[in-house]
Amino acid sequence: MSDTELAPQSDELGTNRDLVGKFLENQSRELEIRAEENALRAQQDKNSFEFSCKALEVRAADRREERNHQRYLRYAALGVGVLATLIVAILLGVCLYKDKDEIAMEIVKGSVFVGAGFLGGWGTAQLRKPEPSKRPDPSTGSGT
């Protein structure tokens, strides 16, 4: 074998150089595409983080408003109870002042029945209410 047989022909060298050039060009495009994908992933992660932070802020504000609303409802119920008791006490006082003992006794009986019914209903509701750890989360609709 001679040196001319081992040496690549000029046509083959050009083809090999073209293939290597195309290969390098493709590799550089792939690197650019990967860099763009990484930038997009980083932006997506940043957006997800910002969204999560905003969602937590909104949920915290919602829970705060829910607690304030529940507190308002408790105070309103307490106010209605105090007002009803005050009205009954005034009515009893007027009946006793005007010597209407029978009417006063009926008011006391009615108050006892209403109070017993209220306490019985409240007690039953407390027994049937699920434990706090088993209550569904209102924001997700699932338990715990």
Protein backbone atom coordinates (compact mmCIF):
# COMPACT_ATOMS: atom_id res chain seq x y z
CA MET A 1 0.00 0.00 0.00
CA SER A 2 1.22 3.33 -0.90
CA ASP A 3 0.79 6.67 0.71
CA THR A 4 -1.72 7.77 -1.89
CA GLU A 5 -4.04 4.93 -1.05
CA LEU A 6 -4.04 5.75 2.67
CA ALA A 7 -4.49 9.48 2.28
CA PRO A 8 -8.12 10.58 1.90
CA GLN A 9 -9.12 12.07 -1.36
CA SER A 10 -9.78 15.82 -1.49
CA ASP A 11 -13.47 15.17 -2.17
CA GLU A 12 -13.74 12.99 0.92
CA LEU A 13 -12.01 15.67 3.03
CA GLY A 14 -14.49 18.29 1.91
CA THR A 15 -17.40 16.01 2.74
CA ASN A 16 -15.96 15.21 6.14
CA ARG A 17 -15.40 18.91 6.85
CA ASP A 18 -18.96 19.68 5.80
CA LEU A 19 -20.30 16.96 8.08
CA VAL A 20 -18.19 18.19 11.00
CA GLY A 21 -19.29 21.76 10.29
CA LYS A 22 -22.97 20.76 10.23
CA PHE A 23 -22.48 18.70 13.39
CA LEU A 24 -20.92 21.65 15.22
CA GLU A 25 -23.63 23.96 13.92
CA ASN A 26 -26.34 21.59 15.18
CA GLN A 27 -24.60 21.29 18.53
CA SER A 28 -24.45 25.08 18.90
CA ARG A 29 -28.19 25.34 18.05
CA GLU A 30 -28.98 22.65 20.62
CA LEU A 31 -27.01 24.57 23.24
CA GLU A 32 -28.92 27.75 22.39
CA ILE A 33 -32.23 25.89 22.60
CA ARG A 34 -31.25 24.37 25.96
CA ALA A 35 -30.24 27.80 27.23
CA GLU A 36 -33.65 29.17 26.18
CA GLU A 37 -35.41 26.21 27.82
CA ASN A 38 -33.46 26.79 31.03
CA ALA A 39 -34.37 30.47 30.95
CA LEU A 40 -38.04 29.55 30.43
CA ARG A 41 -37.92 27.05 33.30
CA ALA A 42 -36.33 29.66 35.55
CA GLN A 43 -39.06 32.15 34.60
CA GLN A 44 -41.73 29.51 35.20
CA ASP A 45 -40.26 28.74 38.64
CA LYS A 46 -40.16 32.43 39.47
CA ASN A 47 -43.78 32.89 38.35
CA SER A 48 -44.87 29.81 40.33
CA PHE A 49 -43.15 31.15 43.43
CA GLU A 50 -44.76 34.57 43.06
CA PHE A 51 -48.17 32.99 42.49
CA SER A 52 -47.73 30.79 45.58
CA CYS A 53 -46.77 33.79 47.69
CA LYS A 54 -49.80 35.75 46.49
CA ALA A 55 -52.06 32.74 47.06
CA LEU A 56 -50.77 32.40 50.64
CA GLU A 57 -51.34 36.10 51.28
CA VAL A 58 -54.88 35.90 49.94
CA ARG A 59 -55.62 32.77 51.95
CA ALA A 60 -54.27 34.37 55.13
CA ALA A 61 -56.42 37.46 54.54
CA ASP A 62 -59.44 35.24 53.85
CA ARG A 63 -58.90 33.27 57.05
CA ARG A 64 -58.52 36.53 59.00
CA GLU A 65 -61.80 37.83 57.55
CA GLU A 66 -63.49 34.49 58.30
CA ARG A 67 -62.37 34.67 61.95
CA ASN A 68 -63.60 38.27 62.21
CA HIS A 69 -66.95 37.25 60.72
CA GLN A 70 -67.30 34.32 63.14
CA ARG A 71 -66.45 36.64 66.04
CA TYR A 72 -69.12 39.09 64.83
CA LEU A 73 -71.68 36.28 64.66
CA ARG A 74 -70.86 35.19 68.21
CA TYR A 75 -71.20 38.74 69.52
CA ALA A 76 -74.45 39.24 67.59
CA ALA A 77 -75.90 36.03 69.05
CA LEU A 78 -74.78 37.07 72.51
CA GLY A 79 -76.39 40.48 72.01
CA VAL A 80 -79.68 38.91 70.92
CA GLY A 81 -79.60 36.62 73.95
CA VAL A 82 -78.92 39.50 76.32
CA LEU A 83 -81.64 41.60 74.69
CA ALA A 84 -84.20 38.77 74.93
CA THR A 85 -83.29 38.17 78.58
CA LEU A 86 -83.59 41.87 79.31
CA ILE A 87 -87.01 42.06 77.64
CA VAL A 88 -88.27 39.03 79.59
CA ALA A 89 -86.89 40.47 82.84
CA ILE A 90 -88.58 43.83 82.20
CA LEU A 91 -91.83 42.08 81.30
CA LEU A 92 -91.65 40.01 84.49
CA GLY A 93 -90.92 43.14 86.52
CA VAL A 94 -93.93 44.93 85.04
CA CYS A 95 -96.19 41.91 85.67
CA LEU A 96 -95.05 41.62 89.28
CA TYR A 97 -95.37 45.37 89.79
CA LYS A 98 -99.00 45.28 88.59
CA ASP A 99 -99.79 42.18 90.70
CA LYS A 100 -100.29 39.88 87.69
CA ASP A 101 -98.71 36.81 89.28
CA GLU A 102 -100.41 34.31 86.93
CA ILE A 103 -99.04 36.06 83.84
CA ALA A 104 -95.58 36.22 85.45
CA MET A 105 -95.72 32.45 86.16
CA GLU A 106 -96.66 31.72 82.53
CA ILE A 107 -93.78 33.89 81.32
CA VAL A 108 -91.40 32.00 83.62
CA LYS A 109 -92.76 28.63 82.37
CA GLY A 110 -92.40 29.70 78.76
CA SER A 111 -88.88 30.95 79.41
CA VAL A 112 -87.94 27.64 81.03
CA PHE A 113 -89.32 25.65 78.08
CA VAL A 114 -87.58 27.86 75.54
CA GLY A 115 -84.32 27.70 77.51
CA ALA A 116 -84.53 23.91 77.84
CA GLY A 117 -85.25 23.54 74.14
CA PHE A 118 -82.33 25.81 73.30
CA LEU A 119 -79.92 23.93 75.55
CA GLY A 120 -81.10 20.55 74.24
CA GLY A 121 -80.69 21.62 70.64
CA TRP A 122 -77.31 23.16 71.30
CA GLY A 123 -76.11 20.05 73.14
CA THR A 124 -77.26 17.79 70.31
CA ALA A 125 -75.50 19.98 67.76
CA GLN A 126 -72.28 19.85 69.81
CA LEU A 127 -72.42 16.06 69.96
CA ARG A 128 -72.96 15.73 66.20
CA LYS A 129 -70.32 18.28 65.23
CA PRO A 130 -67.16 16.61 63.88
CA GLU A 131 -63.87 17.04 65.68
CA PRO A 132 -61.76 19.99 64.48
CA SER A 133 -59.10 17.67 63.04
CA LYS A 134 -61.71 15.80 60.97
CA ARG A 135 -63.51 18.87 59.61
CA PRO A 136 -63.06 19.46 55.89
CA ASP A 137 -60.90 22.40 54.85
CA PRO A 138 -63.29 24.92 53.23
CA SER A 139 -60.66 26.18 50.81
CA THR A 140 -59.80 22.76 49.33
CA GLY A 141 -62.94 20.79 50.09
CA SER A 142 -60.92 17.94 51.58
CA GLY A 143 -60.23 16.79 55.10
CA THR A 144 -57.25 18.02 57.16
